Amino acid sequence: MDALEMLKEKNWAVIGASIDKSKFSYKIPKILKEKGYKVYLINPKYDEIEGQKVYNNLKEVPGKIDAIDMIVNPKFAKGYLEEAKQLGIKNIFFQPGSFDKSLEKILEDSNFNVVNDCVYRRLNK
């Protein structure tokens, strides 16, 4: 699956969402919402960002998740990938810097659809 195909999915969880307006972890959920996506924010550091509830993990999300945008250090990504596997979420979009070789084994074992690209760049055209 390529980036454009994955972006057809409409229910996204953004892992690593931030309150820092200068970071892509703030900009990406914002542009997804502007483009009509349902967005769930995931970050155990926050209870809410600009009035939107932030979940500690994927299991807390009450709605359907079609795709995950991973915006965290790869050392944190593994736990979220395990959770995605348990929940049957197949589409994983890795932002630059969120993927490394340590994740390859779990990705192979889980049959995820994986994209390494930038959601913001893809939607900001």
PDB file of N, CA and C in Angstrom:
ATOM      1  N   MET A   1       0.856  -1.178   0.000  1.00  0.00           N
ATOM      2  CA  MET A   1       0.000   0.000   0.000  1.00  0.00           C
ATOM      3  C   MET A   1       0.902   1.241   0.000  1.00  0.00           C
ATOM      4  N   ASP A   2       0.548   2.209  -0.825  1.00  0.00           N
ATOM      5  CA  ASP A   2       1.345   3.437  -0.848  1.00  0.00           C
ATOM      6  C   ASP A   2       0.661   4.529  -0.015  1.00  0.00           C
ATOM      7  N   ALA A   3       1.339   5.662   0.113  1.00  0.00           N
ATOM      8  CA  ALA A   3       0.855   6.754   0.961  1.00  0.00           C
ATOM      9  C   ALA A   3      -0.515   7.249   0.525  1.00  0.00           C
ATOM     10  N   LEU A   4      -0.708   7.455  -0.772  1.00  0.00           N
ATOM     11  CA  LEU A   4      -1.983   7.981  -1.247  1.00  0.00           C
ATOM     12  C   LEU A   4      -3.126   7.010  -0.980  1.00  0.00           C
ATOM     13  N   GLU A   5      -2.859   5.731  -1.119  1.00  0.00           N
ATOM     14  CA  GLU A   5      -3.878   4.719  -0.828  1.00  0.00           C
ATOM     15  C   GLU A   5      -4.229   4.720   0.662  1.00  0.00           C
ATOM     16  N   MET A   6      -3.223   4.776   1.532  1.00  0.00           N
ATOM     17  CA  MET A   6      -3.478   4.773   2.970  1.00  0.00           C
ATOM     18  C   MET A   6      -4.245   6.027   3.393  1.00  0.00           C
ATOM     19  N   LEU A   7      -3.975   7.131   2.732  1.00  0.00           N
ATOM     20  CA  LEU A   7      -4.660   8.378   3.081  1.00  0.00           C
ATOM     21  C   LEU A   7      -6.140   8.369   2.685  1.00  0.00           C
ATOM     22  N   LYS A   8      -6.591   7.343   1.999  1.00  0.00           N
ATOM     23  CA  LYS A   8      -8.023   7.191   1.719  1.00  0.00           C
ATOM     24  C   LYS A   8      -8.779   6.730   2.967  1.00  0.00           C
ATOM     25  N   GLU A   9      -8.052   6.148   3.914  1.00  0.00           N
ATOM     26  CA  GLU A   9      -8.669   5.745   5.192  1.00  0.00           C
ATOM     27  C   GLU A   9      -9.046   7.001   5.961  1.00  0.00           C
ATOM     28  N   LYS A  10     -10.192   7.002   6.632  1.00  0.00           N
ATOM     29  CA  LYS A  10     -10.706   8.245   7.217  1.00  0.00           C
ATOM     30  C   LYS A  10     -10.643   8.347   8.736  1.00  0.00           C
ATOM     31  N   ASN A  11     -10.303   7.267   9.442  1.00  0.00           N
ATOM     32  CA  ASN A  11     -10.240   7.286  10.903  1.00  0.00           C
ATOM     33  C   ASN A  11      -8.804   7.023  11.353  1.00  0.00           C
ATOM     34  N   TRP A  12      -8.154   8.068  11.859  1.00  0.00           N
ATOM     35  CA  TRP A  12      -6.724   7.999  12.177  1.00  0.00           C
ATOM     36  C   TRP A  12      -6.451   8.202  13.663  1.00  0.00           C
ATOM     37  N   ALA A  13      -5.479   7.468  14.159  1.00  0.00           N
ATOM     38  CA  ALA A  13      -4.913   7.721  15.487  1.00  0.00           C
ATOM     39  C   ALA A  13      -3.529   8.315  15.262  1.00  0.00           C
ATOM     40  N   VAL A  14      -3.268   9.442  15.916  1.00  0.00           N
ATOM     41  CA  VAL A  14      -1.965  10.094  15.799  1.00  0.00           C
ATOM     42  C   VAL A  14      -1.219   9.857  17.108  1.00  0.00           C
ATOM     43  N   ILE A  15      -0.203   9.009  17.037  1.00  0.00           N
ATOM     44  CA  ILE A  15       0.563   8.641  18.227  1.00  0.00           C
ATOM     45  C   ILE A  15       1.727   9.607  18.392  1.00  0.00           C
ATOM     46  N   GLY A  16       1.722  10.300  19.526  1.00  0.00           N
ATOM     47  CA  GLY A  16       2.752  11.293  19.801  1.00  0.00           C
ATOM     48  C   GLY A  16       2.248  12.715  19.603  1.00  0.00           C
ATOM     49  N   ALA A  17       0.925  12.884  19.546  1.00  0.00           N
ATOM     50  CA  ALA A  17       0.338  14.221  19.373  1.00  0.00           C
ATOM     51  C   ALA A  17       0.895  15.175  20.437  1.00  0.00           C
ATOM     52  N   SER A  18       1.103  16.427  20.045  1.00  0.00           N
ATOM     53  CA  SER A  18       1.777  17.397  20.914  1.00  0.00           C
ATOM     54  C   SER A  18       1.022  18.720  20.974  1.00  0.00           C
ATOM     55  N   ILE A  19       1.287  19.471  22.049  1.00  0.00           N
ATOM     56  CA  ILE A  19       0.745  20.829  22.185  1.00  0.00           C
ATOM     57  C   ILE A  19       1.675  21.867  21.565  1.00  0.00           C
ATOM     58  N   ASP A  20       2.877  21.444  21.171  1.00  0.00           N
ATOM     59  CA  ASP A  20       3.881  22.360  20.620  1.00  0.00           C
ATOM     60  C   ASP A  20       3.547  22.675  19.165  1.00  0.00           C
ATOM     61  N   LYS A  21       3.065  23.889  18.919  1.00  0.00           N
ATOM     62  CA  LYS A  21       2.593  24.283  17.589  1.00  0.00           C
ATOM     63  C   LYS A  21       3.686  24.290  16.529  1.00  0.00           C
ATOM     64  N   SER A  22       4.947  24.244  16.921  1.00  0.00           N
ATOM     65  CA  SER A  22       6.045  24.245  15.946  1.00  0.00           C
ATOM     66  C   SER A  22       6.369  22.831  15.438  1.00  0.00           C
ATOM     67  N   LYS A  23       5.805  21.816  16.066  1.00  0.00           N
ATOM     68  CA  LYS A  23       6.148  20.434  15.718  1.00  0.00           C
ATOM     69  C   LYS A  23       5.112  19.799  14.789  1.00  0.00           C
ATOM     70  N   PHE A  24       5.579  18.851  13.995  1.00  0.00           N
ATOM     71  CA  PHE A  24       4.665  18.118  13.124  1.00  0.00           C
ATOM     72  C   PHE A  24       3.663  17.306  13.945  1.00  0.00           C
ATOM     73  N   SER A  25       4.018  16.947  15.162  1.00  0.00           N
ATOM     74  CA  SER A  25       3.100  16.190  16.016  1.00  0.00           C
ATOM     75  C   SER A  25       1.900  17.044  16.451  1.00  0.00           C
ATOM     76  N   TYR A  26       1.974  18.344  16.243  1.00  0.00           N
ATOM     77  CA  TYR A  26       0.830  19.245  16.406  1.00  0.00           C
ATOM     78  C   TYR A  26       0.172  19.507  15.051  1.00  0.00           C
ATOM     79  N   LYS A  27       0.989  19.744  14.047  1.00  0.00           N
ATOM     80  CA  LYS A  27       0.485  20.130  12.722  1.00  0.00           C
ATOM     81  C   LYS A  27      -0.262  19.008  12.011  1.00  0.00           C
ATOM     82  N   ILE A  28       0.184  17.772  12.181  1.00  0.00           N
ATOM     83  CA  ILE A  28      -0.430  16.653  11.460  1.00  0.00           C
ATOM     84  C   ILE A  28      -1.876  16.396  11.901  1.00  0.00           C
ATOM     85  N   PRO A  29      -2.166  16.293  13.204  1.00  0.00           N
ATOM     86  CA  PRO A  29      -3.578  16.114  13.567  1.00  0.00           C
ATOM     87  C   PRO A  29      -4.450  17.271  13.073  1.00  0.00           C
ATOM     88  N   LYS A  30      -3.898  18.470  13.116  1.00  0.00           N
ATOM     89  CA  LYS A  30      -4.644  19.649  12.676  1.00  0.00           C
ATOM     90  C   LYS A  30      -4.996  19.561  11.185  1.00  0.00           C
ATOM     91  N   ILE A  31      -4.026  19.209  10.348  1.00  0.00           N
ATOM     92  CA  ILE A  31      -4.308  19.140   8.906  1.00  0.00           C
ATOM     93  C   ILE A  31      -5.221  17.951   8.580  1.00  0.00           C
ATOM     94  N   LEU A  32      -5.065  16.845   9.301  1.00  0.00           N
ATOM     95  CA  LEU A  32      -5.970  15.714   9.091  1.00  0.00           C
ATOM     96  C   LEU A  32      -7.409  16.141   9.357  1.00  0.00           C
ATOM     97  N   LYS A  33      -7.632  16.838  10.476  1.00  0.00           N
ATOM     98  CA  LYS A  33      -8.987  17.305  10.813  1.00  0.00           C
ATOM     99  C   LYS A  33      -9.502  18.282   9.765  1.00  0.00           C
ATOM    100  N   GLU A  34      -8.634  19.203   9.329  1.00  0.00           N
ATOM    101  CA  GLU A  34      -9.034  20.178   8.306  1.00  0.00           C
ATOM    102  C   GLU A  34      -9.462  19.500   7.005  1.00  0.00           C
ATOM    103  N   LYS A  35      -8.860  18.354   6.711  1.00  0.00           N
ATOM    104  CA  LYS A  35      -9.161  17.629   5.473  1.00  0.00           C
ATOM    105  C   LYS A  35     -10.310  16.624   5.646  1.00  0.00           C
ATOM    106  N   GLY A  36     -10.966  16.657   6.808  1.00  0.00           N
ATOM    107  CA  GLY A  36     -12.161  15.843   7.007  1.00  0.00           C
ATOM    108  C   GLY A  36     -11.962  14.478   7.636  1.00  0.00           C
ATOM    109  N   TYR A  37     -10.799  14.216   8.178  1.00  0.00           N
ATOM    110  CA  TYR A  37     -10.538  12.936   8.835  1.00  0.00           C
ATOM    111  C   TYR A  37     -11.042  12.968  10.275  1.00  0.00           C
ATOM    112  N   LYS A  38     -11.435  11.802  10.783  1.00  0.00           N
ATOM    113  CA  LYS A  38     -11.684  11.626  12.211  1.00  0.00           C
ATOM    114  C   LYS A  38     -10.321  11.321  12.821  1.00  0.00           C
ATOM    115  N   VAL A  39      -9.931  12.096  13.838  1.00  0.00           N
ATOM    116  CA  VAL A  39      -8.587  11.975  14.401  1.00  0.00           C
ATOM    117  C   VAL A  39      -8.663  11.716  15.907  1.00  0.00           C
ATOM    118  N   TYR A  40      -7.975  10.674  16.337  1.00  0.00           N
ATOM    119  CA  TYR A  40      -7.827  10.365  17.753  1.00  0.00           C
ATOM    120  C   TYR A  40      -6.389  10.677  18.148  1.00  0.00           C
ATOM    121  N   LEU A  41      -6.224  11.451  19.195  1.00  0.00           N
ATOM    122  CA  LEU A  41      -4.893  11.841  19.662  1.00  0.00           C
ATOM    123  C   LEU A  41      -4.424  10.864  20.736  1.00  0.00           C
ATOM    124  N   ILE A  42      -3.169  10.422  20.617  1.00  0.00           N
ATOM    125  CA  ILE A  42      -2.592   9.479  21.573  1.00  0.00           C
ATOM    126  C   ILE A  42      -1.297  10.070  22.128  1.00  0.00           C
ATOM    127  N   ASN A  43      -1.268  10.268  23.450  1.00  0.00           N
ATOM    128  CA  ASN A  43      -0.044  10.692  24.128  1.00  0.00           C
ATOM    129  C   ASN A  43      -0.320  10.666  25.626  1.00  0.00           C
ATOM    130  N   PRO A  44       0.359   9.783  26.371  1.00  0.00           N
ATOM    131  CA  PRO A  44       0.096   9.696  27.814  1.00  0.00           C
ATOM    132  C   PRO A  44       0.491  10.949  28.606  1.00  0.00           C
ATOM    133  N   LYS A  45       1.157  11.911  27.971  1.00  0.00           N
ATOM    134  CA  LYS A  45       1.557  13.144  28.666  1.00  0.00           C
ATOM    135  C   LYS A  45       0.421  14.152  28.815  1.00  0.00           C
ATOM    136  N   TYR A  46      -0.625  14.021  28.002  1.00  0.00           N
ATOM    137  CA  TYR A  46      -1.677  15.036  27.980  1.00  0.00           C
ATOM    138  C   TYR A  46      -3.059  14.424  28.209  1.00  0.00           C
ATOM    139  N   ASP A  47      -3.944  15.222  28.794  1.00  0.00           N
ATOM    140  CA  ASP A  47      -5.349  14.829  28.918  1.00  0.00           C
ATOM    141  C   ASP A  47      -6.153  15.358  27.740  1.00  0.00           C
ATOM    142  N   GLU A  48      -5.751  16.545  27.251  1.00  0.00           N
ATOM    143  CA  GLU A  48      -6.406  17.119  26.085  1.00  0.00           C
ATOM    144  C   GLU A  48      -5.475  18.095  25.386  1.00  0.00           C
ATOM    145  N   ILE A  49      -5.742  18.309  24.111  1.00  0.00           N
ATOM    146  CA  ILE A  49      -5.016  19.294  23.308  1.00  0.00           C
ATOM    147  C   ILE A  49      -6.072  20.131  22.605  1.00  0.00           C
ATOM    148  N   GLU A  50      -6.060  21.417  22.915  1.00  0.00           N
ATOM    149  CA  GLU A  50      -7.023  22.359  22.336  1.00  0.00           C
ATOM    150  C   GLU A  50      -8.454  21.844  22.420  1.00  0.00           C
ATOM    151  N   GLY A  51      -8.812  21.316  23.586  1.00  0.00           N
ATOM    152  CA  GLY A  51     -10.175  20.868  23.834  1.00  0.00           C
ATOM    153  C   GLY A  51     -10.495  19.465  23.360  1.00  0.00           C
ATOM    154  N   GLN A  52      -9.564  18.824  22.665  1.00  0.00           N
ATOM    155  CA  GLN A  52      -9.807  17.454  22.200  1.00  0.00           C
ATOM    156  C   GLN A  52      -9.176  16.463  23.169  1.00  0.00           C
ATOM    157  N   LYS A  53      -9.941  15.436  23.540  1.00  0.00           N
ATOM    158  CA  LYS A  53      -9.434  14.411  24.440  1.00  0.00           C
ATOM    159  C   LYS A  53      -8.205  13.735  23.838  1.00  0.00           C
ATOM    160  N   VAL A  54      -7.234  13.459  24.707  1.00  0.00           N
ATOM    161  CA  VAL A  54      -6.035  12.720  24.310  1.00  0.00           C
ATOM    162  C   VAL A  54      -6.041  11.406  25.097  1.00  0.00           C
ATOM    163  N   TYR A  55      -5.845  10.319  24.387  1.00  0.00           N
ATOM    164  CA  TYR A  55      -5.870   8.988  24.988  1.00  0.00           C
ATOM    165  C   TYR A  55      -4.452   8.543  25.326  1.00  0.00           C
ATOM    166  N   ASN A  56      -4.346   7.717  26.375  1.00  0.00           N
ATOM    167  CA  ASN A  56      -3.044   7.191  26.786  1.00  0.00           C
ATOM    168  C   ASN A  56      -2.521   6.138  25.819  1.00  0.00           C
ATOM    169  N   ASN A  57      -3.443   5.404  25.200  1.00  0.00           N
ATOM    170  CA  ASN A  57      -3.058   4.303  24.316  1.00  0.00           C
ATOM    171  C   ASN A  57      -4.187   4.017  23.340  1.00  0.00           C
ATOM    172  N   LEU A  58      -3.936   3.121  22.424  1.00  0.00           N
ATOM    173  CA  LEU A  58      -4.920   2.787  21.386  1.00  0.00           C
ATOM    174  C   LEU A  58      -6.141   2.074  21.949  1.00  0.00           C
ATOM    175  N   LYS A  59      -5.941   1.281  22.999  1.00  0.00           N
ATOM    176  CA  LYS A  59      -7.053   0.509  23.567  1.00  0.00           C
ATOM    177  C   LYS A  59      -8.136   1.405  24.165  1.00  0.00           C
ATOM    178  N   GLU A  60      -7.782   2.613  24.560  1.00  0.00           N
ATOM    179  CA  GLU A  60      -8.754   3.537  25.152  1.00  0.00           C
ATOM    180  C   GLU A  60      -9.662   4.200  24.115  1.00  0.00           C
ATOM    181  N   VAL A  61      -9.248   4.206  22.871  1.00  0.00           N
ATOM    182  CA  VAL A  61     -10.000   4.917  21.826  1.00  0.00           C
ATOM    183  C   VAL A  61     -11.361   4.245  21.642  1.00  0.00           C
ATOM    184  N   PRO A  62     -12.445   5.025  21.737  1.00  0.00           N
ATOM    185  CA  PRO A  62     -13.781   4.431  21.659  1.00  0.00           C
ATOM    186  C   PRO A  62     -14.255   4.121  20.238  1.00  0.00           C
ATOM    187  N   GLY A  63     -13.633   4.712  19.243  1.00  0.00           N
ATOM    188  CA  GLY A  63     -14.089   4.531  17.864  1.00  0.00           C
ATOM    189  C   GLY A  63     -13.169   3.640  17.049  1.00  0.00           C
ATOM    190  N   LYS A  64     -13.542   3.482  15.797  1.00  0.00           N
ATOM    191  CA  LYS A  64     -12.780   2.660  14.853  1.00  0.00           C
ATOM    192  C   LYS A  64     -11.524   3.403  14.410  1.00  0.00           C
ATOM    193  N   ILE A  65     -10.415   2.687  14.342  1.00  0.00           N
ATOM    194  CA  ILE A  65      -9.154   3.236  13.838  1.00  0.00           C
ATOM    195  C   ILE A  65      -8.794   2.475  12.571  1.00  0.00           C
ATOM    196  N   ASP A  66      -8.696   3.219  11.454  1.00  0.00           N
ATOM    197  CA  ASP A  66      -8.309   2.603  10.182  1.00  0.00           C
ATOM    198  C   ASP A  66      -6.804   2.666   9.948  1.00  0.00           C
ATOM    199  N   ALA A  67      -6.175   3.715  10.481  1.00  0.00           N
ATOM    200  CA  ALA A  67      -4.741   3.921  10.246  1.00  0.00           C
ATOM    201  C   ALA A  67      -4.132   4.643  11.437  1.00  0.00           C
ATOM    202  N   ILE A  68      -2.854   4.403  11.623  1.00  0.00           N
ATOM    203  CA  ILE A  68      -2.080   5.052  12.690  1.00  0.00           C
ATOM    204  C   ILE A  68      -0.985   5.875  12.052  1.00  0.00           C
ATOM    205  N   ASP A  69      -0.846   7.103  12.540  1.00  0.00           N
ATOM    206  CA  ASP A  69       0.308   7.921  12.156  1.00  0.00           C
ATOM    207  C   ASP A  69       1.257   7.920  13.344  1.00  0.00           C
ATOM    208  N   MET A  70       2.424   7.350  13.153  1.00  0.00           N
ATOM    209  CA  MET A  70       3.416   7.182  14.211  1.00  0.00           C
ATOM    210  C   MET A  70       4.376   8.365  14.197  1.00  0.00           C
ATOM    211  N   ILE A  71       4.330   9.172  15.273  1.00  0.00           N
ATOM    212  CA  ILE A  71       5.208  10.344  15.365  1.00  0.00           C
ATOM    213  C   ILE A  71       5.959  10.273  16.692  1.00  0.00           C
ATOM    214  N   VAL A  72       6.525   9.118  16.996  1.00  0.00           N
ATOM    215  CA  VAL A  72       7.283   8.932  18.229  1.00  0.00           C
ATOM    216  C   VAL A  72       8.630   8.294  17.913  1.00  0.00           C
ATOM    217  N   ASN A  73       9.522   8.409  18.857  1.00  0.00           N
ATOM    218  CA  ASN A  73      10.811   7.741  18.767  1.00  0.00           C
ATOM    219  C   ASN A  73      10.563   6.237  18.583  1.00  0.00           C
ATOM    220  N   PRO A  74      11.331   5.582  17.724  1.00  0.00           N
ATOM    221  CA  PRO A  74      11.129   4.146  17.491  1.00  0.00           C
ATOM    222  C   PRO A  74      11.124   3.302  18.769  1.00  0.00           C
ATOM    223  N   LYS A  75      11.830   3.730  19.812  1.00  0.00           N
ATOM    224  CA  LYS A  75      11.847   2.930  21.043  1.00  0.00           C
ATOM    225  C   LYS A  75      10.461   2.889  21.704  1.00  0.00           C
ATOM    226  N   PHE A  76       9.617   3.880  21.422  1.00  0.00           N
ATOM    227  CA  PHE A  76       8.246   3.873  21.943  1.00  0.00           C
ATOM    228  C   PHE A  76       7.272   3.224  20.965  1.00  0.00           C
ATOM    229  N   ALA A  77       7.627   3.172  19.708  1.00  0.00           N
ATOM    230  CA  ALA A  77       6.718   2.664  18.670  1.00  0.00           C
ATOM    231  C   ALA A  77       6.390   1.184  18.857  1.00  0.00           C
ATOM    232  N   LYS A  78       7.326   0.399  19.355  1.00  0.00           N
ATOM    233  CA  LYS A  78       7.111  -1.047  19.458  1.00  0.00           C
ATOM    234  C   LYS A  78       5.873  -1.378  20.284  1.00  0.00           C
ATOM    235  N   GLY A  79       5.703  -0.745  21.430  1.00  0.00           N
ATOM    236  CA  GLY A  79       4.533  -1.008  22.272  1.00  0.00           C
ATOM    237  C   GLY A  79       3.233  -0.669  21.566  1.00  0.00           C
ATOM    238  N   TYR A  80       3.238   0.425  20.829  1.00  0.00           N
ATOM    239  CA  TYR A  80       2.034   0.805  20.082  1.00  0.00           C
ATOM    240  C   TYR A  80       1.761  -0.171  18.939  1.00  0.00           C
ATOM    241  N   LEU A  81       2.812  -0.688  18.337  1.00  0.00           N
ATOM    242  CA  LEU A  81       2.631  -1.682  17.277  1.00  0.00           C
ATOM    243  C   LEU A  81       2.039  -2.975  17.836  1.00  0.00           C
ATOM    244  N   GLU A  82       2.481  -3.376  19.009  1.00  0.00           N
ATOM    245  CA  GLU A  82       1.911  -4.570  19.662  1.00  0.00           C
ATOM    246  C   GLU A  82       0.425  -4.357  19.925  1.00  0.00           C
ATOM    247  N   GLU A  83       0.088  -3.169  20.386  1.00  0.00           N
ATOM    248  CA  GLU A  83      -1.310  -2.826  20.650  1.00  0.00           C
ATOM    249  C   GLU A  83      -2.134  -2.829  19.356  1.00  0.00           C
ATOM    250  N   ALA A  84      -1.593  -2.249  18.298  1.00  0.00           N
ATOM    251  CA  ALA A  84      -2.270  -2.214  17.003  1.00  0.00           C
ATOM    252  C   ALA A  84      -2.523  -3.641  16.512  1.00  0.00           C
ATOM    253  N   LYS A  85      -1.543  -4.495  16.683  1.00  0.00           N
ATOM    254  CA  LYS A  85      -1.681  -5.898  16.271  1.00  0.00           C
ATOM    255  C   LYS A  85      -2.839  -6.556  17.025  1.00  0.00           C
ATOM    256  N   GLN A  86      -2.898  -6.346  18.336  1.00  0.00           N
ATOM    257  CA  GLN A  86      -3.973  -6.923  19.156  1.00  0.00           C
ATOM    258  C   GLN A  86      -5.346  -6.399  18.742  1.00  0.00           C
ATOM    259  N   LEU A  87      -5.398  -5.134  18.325  1.00  0.00           N
ATOM    260  CA  LEU A  87      -6.665  -4.508  17.957  1.00  0.00           C
ATOM    261  C   LEU A  87      -7.045  -4.730  16.489  1.00  0.00           C
ATOM    262  N   GLY A  88      -6.154  -5.349  15.719  1.00  0.00           N
ATOM    263  CA  GLY A  88      -6.436  -5.629  14.320  1.00  0.00           C
ATOM    264  C   GLY A  88      -6.279  -4.430  13.400  1.00  0.00           C
ATOM    265  N   ILE A  89      -5.517  -3.431  13.836  1.00  0.00           N
ATOM    266  CA  ILE A  89      -5.261  -2.250  13.000  1.00  0.00           C
ATOM    267  C   ILE A  89      -4.089  -2.596  12.087  1.00  0.00           C
ATOM    268  N   LYS A  90      -4.273  -2.460  10.789  1.00  0.00           N
ATOM    269  CA  LYS A  90      -3.268  -2.924   9.825  1.00  0.00           C
ATOM    270  C   LYS A  90      -2.425  -1.815   9.193  1.00  0.00           C
ATOM    271  N   ASN A  91      -2.931  -0.581   9.168  1.00  0.00           N
ATOM    272  CA  ASN A  91      -2.269   0.487   8.422  1.00  0.00           C
ATOM    273  C   ASN A  91      -1.435   1.378   9.342  1.00  0.00           C
ATOM    274  N   ILE A  92      -0.135   1.374   9.109  1.00  0.00           N
ATOM    275  CA  ILE A  92       0.798   2.141   9.936  1.00  0.00           C
ATOM    276  C   ILE A  92       1.590   3.092   9.042  1.00  0.00           C
ATOM    277  N   PHE A  93       1.502   4.365   9.352  1.00  0.00           N
ATOM    278  CA  PHE A  93       2.200   5.408   8.597  1.00  0.00           C
ATOM    279  C   PHE A  93       3.296   5.958   9.511  1.00  0.00           C
ATOM    280  N   PHE A  94       4.549   5.722   9.157  1.00  0.00           N
ATOM    281  CA  PHE A  94       5.682   6.192   9.962  1.00  0.00           C
ATOM    282  C   PHE A  94       6.171   7.540   9.437  1.00  0.00           C
ATOM    283  N   GLN A  95       6.158   8.527  10.299  1.00  0.00           N
ATOM    284  CA  GLN A  95       6.739   9.827   9.969  1.00  0.00           C
ATOM    285  C   GLN A  95       8.264   9.701   9.963  1.00  0.00           C
ATOM    286  N   PRO A  96       8.962  10.589   9.247  1.00  0.00           N
ATOM    287  CA  PRO A  96      10.427  10.569   9.286  1.00  0.00           C
ATOM    288  C   PRO A  96      10.938  10.601  10.737  1.00  0.00           C
ATOM    289  N   GLY A  97      11.850   9.688  11.040  1.00  0.00           N
ATOM    290  CA  GLY A  97      12.444   9.618  12.372  1.00  0.00           C
ATOM    291  C   GLY A  97      11.733   8.687  13.334  1.00  0.00           C
ATOM    292  N   SER A  98      10.582   8.141  12.933  1.00  0.00           N
ATOM    293  CA  SER A  98       9.832   7.275  13.845  1.00  0.00           C
ATOM    294  C   SER A  98      10.060   5.783  13.577  1.00  0.00           C
ATOM    295  N   PHE A  99      10.825   5.481  12.540  1.00  0.00           N
ATOM    296  CA  PHE A  99      11.075   4.092  12.169  1.00  0.00           C
ATOM    297  C   PHE A  99      12.562   3.793  12.224  1.00  0.00           C
ATOM    298  N   ASP A 100      12.898   2.605  12.714  1.00  0.00           N
ATOM    299  CA  ASP A 100      14.266   2.106  12.572  1.00  0.00           C
ATOM    300  C   ASP A 100      14.234   0.582  12.493  1.00  0.00           C
ATOM    301  N   LYS A 101      15.393  -0.009  12.289  1.00  0.00           N
ATOM    302  CA  LYS A 101      15.495  -1.454  12.062  1.00  0.00           C
ATOM    303  C   LYS A 101      14.977  -2.287  13.235  1.00  0.00           C
ATOM    304  N   SER A 102      14.969  -1.726  14.435  1.00  0.00           N
ATOM    305  CA  SER A 102      14.505  -2.481  15.601  1.00  0.00           C
ATOM    306  C   SER A 102      13.027  -2.863  15.483  1.00  0.00           C
ATOM    307  N   LEU A 103      12.303  -2.221  14.588  1.00  0.00           N
ATOM    308  CA  LEU A 103      10.867  -2.487  14.425  1.00  0.00           C
ATOM    309  C   LEU A 103      10.572  -3.516  13.333  1.00  0.00           C
ATOM    310  N   GLU A 104      11.575  -3.894  12.564  1.00  0.00           N
ATOM    311  CA  GLU A 104      11.350  -4.757  11.406  1.00  0.00           C
ATOM    312  C   GLU A 104      10.718  -6.100  11.761  1.00  0.00           C
ATOM    313  N   LYS A 105      11.153  -6.728  12.846  1.00  0.00           N
ATOM    314  CA  LYS A 105      10.648  -8.058  13.216  1.00  0.00           C
ATOM    315  C   LYS A 105       9.148  -8.017  13.501  1.00  0.00           C
ATOM    316  N   ILE A 106       8.713  -7.080  14.322  1.00  0.00           N
ATOM    317  CA  ILE A 106       7.283  -7.003  14.643  1.00  0.00           C
ATOM    318  C   ILE A 106       6.460  -6.657  13.401  1.00  0.00           C
ATOM    319  N   LEU A 107       7.014  -5.831  12.528  1.00  0.00           N
ATOM    320  CA  LEU A 107       6.294  -5.483  11.306  1.00  0.00           C
ATOM    321  C   LEU A 107       6.129  -6.702  10.405  1.00  0.00           C
ATOM    322  N   GLU A 108       7.174  -7.495  10.281  1.00  0.00           N
ATOM    323  CA  GLU A 108       7.114  -8.707   9.463  1.00  0.00           C
ATOM    324  C   GLU A 108       6.123  -9.713  10.041  1.00  0.00           C
ATOM    325  N   ASP A 109       6.149  -9.867  11.356  1.00  0.00           N
ATOM    326  CA  ASP A 109       5.294 -10.851  12.021  1.00  0.00           C
ATOM    327  C   ASP A 109       3.823 -10.447  12.051  1.00  0.00           C
ATOM    328  N   SER A 110       3.528  -9.191  11.802  1.00  0.00           N
ATOM    329  CA  SER A 110       2.161  -8.687  11.972  1.00  0.00           C
ATOM    330  C   SER A 110       1.431  -8.394  10.672  1.00  0.00           C
ATOM    331  N   ASN A 111       2.108  -8.496   9.553  1.00  0.00           N
ATOM    332  CA  ASN A 111       1.481  -8.204   8.258  1.00  0.00           C
ATOM    333  C   ASN A 111       0.840  -6.830   8.182  1.00  0.00           C
ATOM    334  N   PHE A 112       1.486  -5.844   8.766  1.00  0.00           N
ATOM    335  CA  PHE A 112       1.004  -4.472   8.664  1.00  0.00           C
ATOM    336  C   PHE A 112       1.214  -3.943   7.249  1.00  0.00           C
ATOM    337  N   ASN A 113       0.369  -3.013   6.843  1.00  0.00           N
ATOM    338  CA  ASN A 113       0.624  -2.192   5.662  1.00  0.00           C
ATOM    339  C   ASN A 113       1.424  -0.999   6.170  1.00  0.00           C
ATOM    340  N   VAL A 114       2.635  -0.837   5.672  1.00  0.00           N
ATOM    341  CA  VAL A 114       3.539   0.180   6.209  1.00  0.00           C
ATOM    342  C   VAL A 114       3.897   1.206   5.147  1.00  0.00           C
ATOM    343  N   VAL A 115       3.837   2.478   5.554  1.00  0.00           N
ATOM    344  CA  VAL A 115       4.284   3.580   4.712  1.00  0.00           C
ATOM    345  C   VAL A 115       5.267   4.410   5.520  1.00  0.00           C
ATOM    346  N   ASN A 116       6.403   4.734   4.926  1.00  0.00           N
ATOM    347  CA  ASN A 116       7.376   5.658   5.513  1.00  0.00           C
ATOM    348  C   ASN A 116       7.339   6.927   4.674  1.00  0.00           C
ATOM    349  N   ASP A 117       6.708   7.964   5.206  1.00  0.00           N
ATOM    350  CA  ASP A 117       6.503   9.196   4.447  1.00  0.00           C
ATOM    351  C   ASP A 117       6.055  10.275   5.434  1.00  0.00           C
ATOM    352  N   CYS A 118       5.589  11.384   4.923  1.00  0.00           N
ATOM    353  CA  CYS A 118       5.123  12.475   5.782  1.00  0.00           C
ATOM    354  C   CYS A 118       3.677  12.819   5.441  1.00  0.00           C
ATOM    355  N   VAL A 119       2.771  12.566   6.375  1.00  0.00           N
ATOM    356  CA  VAL A 119       1.356  12.877   6.186  1.00  0.00           C
ATOM    357  C   VAL A 119       1.168  14.362   5.883  1.00  0.00           C
ATOM    358  N   TYR A 120       1.853  15.203   6.630  1.00  0.00           N
ATOM    359  CA  TYR A 120       1.686  16.650   6.464  1.00  0.00           C
ATOM    360  C   TYR A 120       2.039  17.081   5.032  1.00  0.00           C
ATOM    361  N   ARG A 121       3.168  16.596   4.549  1.00  0.00           N
ATOM    362  CA  ARG A 121       3.604  16.944   3.199  1.00  0.00           C
ATOM    363  C   ARG A 121       2.598  16.429   2.171  1.00  0.00           C
ATOM    364  N   ARG A 122       2.085  15.231   2.383  1.00  0.00           N
ATOM    365  CA  ARG A 122       1.121  14.643   1.435  1.00  0.00           C
ATOM    366  C   ARG A 122      -0.192  15.420   1.393  1.00  0.00           C
ATOM    367  N   LEU A 123      -0.646  15.912   2.526  1.00  0.00           N
ATOM    368  CA  LEU A 123      -1.936  16.614   2.589  1.00  0.00           C
ATOM    369  C   LEU A 123      -1.830  18.110   2.351  1.00  0.00           C
ATOM    370  N   ASN A 124      -0.643  18.658   2.484  1.00  0.00           N
ATOM    371  CA  ASN A 124      -0.453  20.108   2.382  1.00  0.00           C
ATOM    372  C   ASN A 124      -0.054  20.484   0.958  1.00  0.00           C
ATOM    373  N   LYS A 125      -0.903  20.130   0.000  1.00  0.00           N
ATOM    374  CA  LYS A 125      -0.611  20.426  -1.399  1.00  0.00           C
ATOM    375  C   LYS A 125      -1.688  21.320  -1.975  1.00  0.00           C
TER     376      LYS A 125
END
